[in-house]
Amino acid sequence: MVESHEATIQWSGTALMAQRILAAADRPHCEAFSQEEDGETLVSVVVQHTKLQELRDIVDALLVDLADIEESA
């Protein structure tokens, strides 16, 4: 049996920011989706990898990109 590791990042806010987050999450081992709820856009990004260190590296890089998006808003 192959091990699998998973991390989920969830965010809510404007549709414009959601589009930028979805674009940033368009990378290998990431699955991102969004939905509208009560005037807000909810974004979930699920990162999966068989190696824990690789998962961490992907999540770290994604969080850096998301911080840059947030700071530029």
Protein backbone atom coordinates (compact mmCIF):
# COMPACT_ATOMS: atom_id res chain seq x y z
CA MET A 1 0.00 0.00 0.00
CA VAL A 2 1.33 3.42 -0.99
CA GLU A 3 1.31 6.16 1.62
CA SER A 4 -0.44 9.40 0.75
CA HIS A 5 -0.23 12.72 2.55
CA GLU A 6 -2.70 15.57 2.17
CA ALA A 7 -3.01 19.20 3.23
CA THR A 8 -5.95 21.51 2.65
CA ILE A 9 -5.89 25.31 2.53
CA GLN A 10 -9.21 27.13 2.70
CA TRP A 11 -9.82 30.81 2.02
CA SER A 12 -12.85 33.09 1.62
CA GLY A 13 -13.17 36.56 0.13
CA THR A 14 -13.86 38.39 -3.12
CA ALA A 15 -14.29 36.68 -6.47
CA LEU A 16 -11.35 38.66 -7.90
CA MET A 17 -8.95 37.44 -5.22
CA ALA A 18 -10.36 33.92 -5.56
CA GLN A 19 -9.38 33.89 -9.25
CA ARG A 20 -5.82 34.88 -8.36
CA ILE A 21 -5.64 32.17 -5.70
CA LEU A 22 -7.00 29.55 -8.09
CA ALA A 23 -4.37 30.57 -10.66
CA ALA A 24 -1.60 30.31 -8.04
CA ALA A 25 -2.82 26.83 -7.08
CA ASP A 26 -2.62 25.60 -10.67
CA ARG A 27 0.43 23.41 -10.12
CA PRO A 28 1.25 19.72 -9.88
CA HIS A 29 -0.21 17.81 -6.93
CA CYS A 30 -2.79 20.57 -6.23
CA GLU A 31 -6.51 20.44 -6.81
CA ALA A 32 -8.36 23.70 -6.30
CA PHE A 33 -12.03 24.58 -6.49
CA SER A 34 -14.29 27.45 -5.50
CA GLN A 35 -17.91 28.06 -4.69
CA GLU A 36 -20.07 31.10 -4.02
CA GLU A 37 -21.79 31.32 -0.65
CA ASP A 38 -23.58 34.30 0.90
CA GLY A 39 -21.84 36.80 -1.38
CA GLU A 40 -18.36 35.40 -0.71
CA THR A 41 -16.23 33.09 -2.75
CA LEU A 42 -14.84 30.10 -0.88
CA VAL A 43 -11.65 28.50 -2.22
CA SER A 44 -10.24 25.13 -1.20
CA VAL A 45 -6.85 23.90 -2.32
CA VAL A 46 -6.01 20.26 -1.65
CA VAL A 47 -2.37 19.25 -1.96
CA GLN A 48 -1.50 15.55 -2.13
CA HIS A 49 1.81 13.74 -2.40
CA THR A 50 3.25 10.35 -1.51
CA LYS A 51 6.30 11.94 0.15
CA LEU A 52 5.75 14.11 3.20
CA GLN A 53 8.72 16.40 2.53
CA GLU A 54 7.53 17.00 -1.04
CA LEU A 55 4.07 17.85 0.28
CA ARG A 56 5.60 20.33 2.70
CA ASP A 57 7.69 21.95 -0.05
CA ILE A 58 4.63 22.37 -2.27
CA VAL A 59 2.53 23.81 0.57
CA ASP A 60 5.33 26.18 1.61
CA ALA A 61 5.72 27.50 -1.94
CA LEU A 62 1.96 27.88 -2.30
CA LEU A 63 1.70 29.81 0.98
CA VAL A 64 4.46 32.19 -0.15
CA ASP A 65 2.53 32.86 -3.38
CA LEU A 66 -0.74 33.35 -1.48
CA ALA A 67 0.96 35.82 0.88
CA ASP A 68 2.22 37.78 -2.13
CA ILE A 69 -1.31 37.88 -3.55
CA GLU A 70 -2.71 39.07 -0.23
CA GLU A 71 -0.05 41.78 0.14
CA SER A 72 -0.68 43.10 -3.37
CA ALA A 73 -4.41 43.48 -2.81
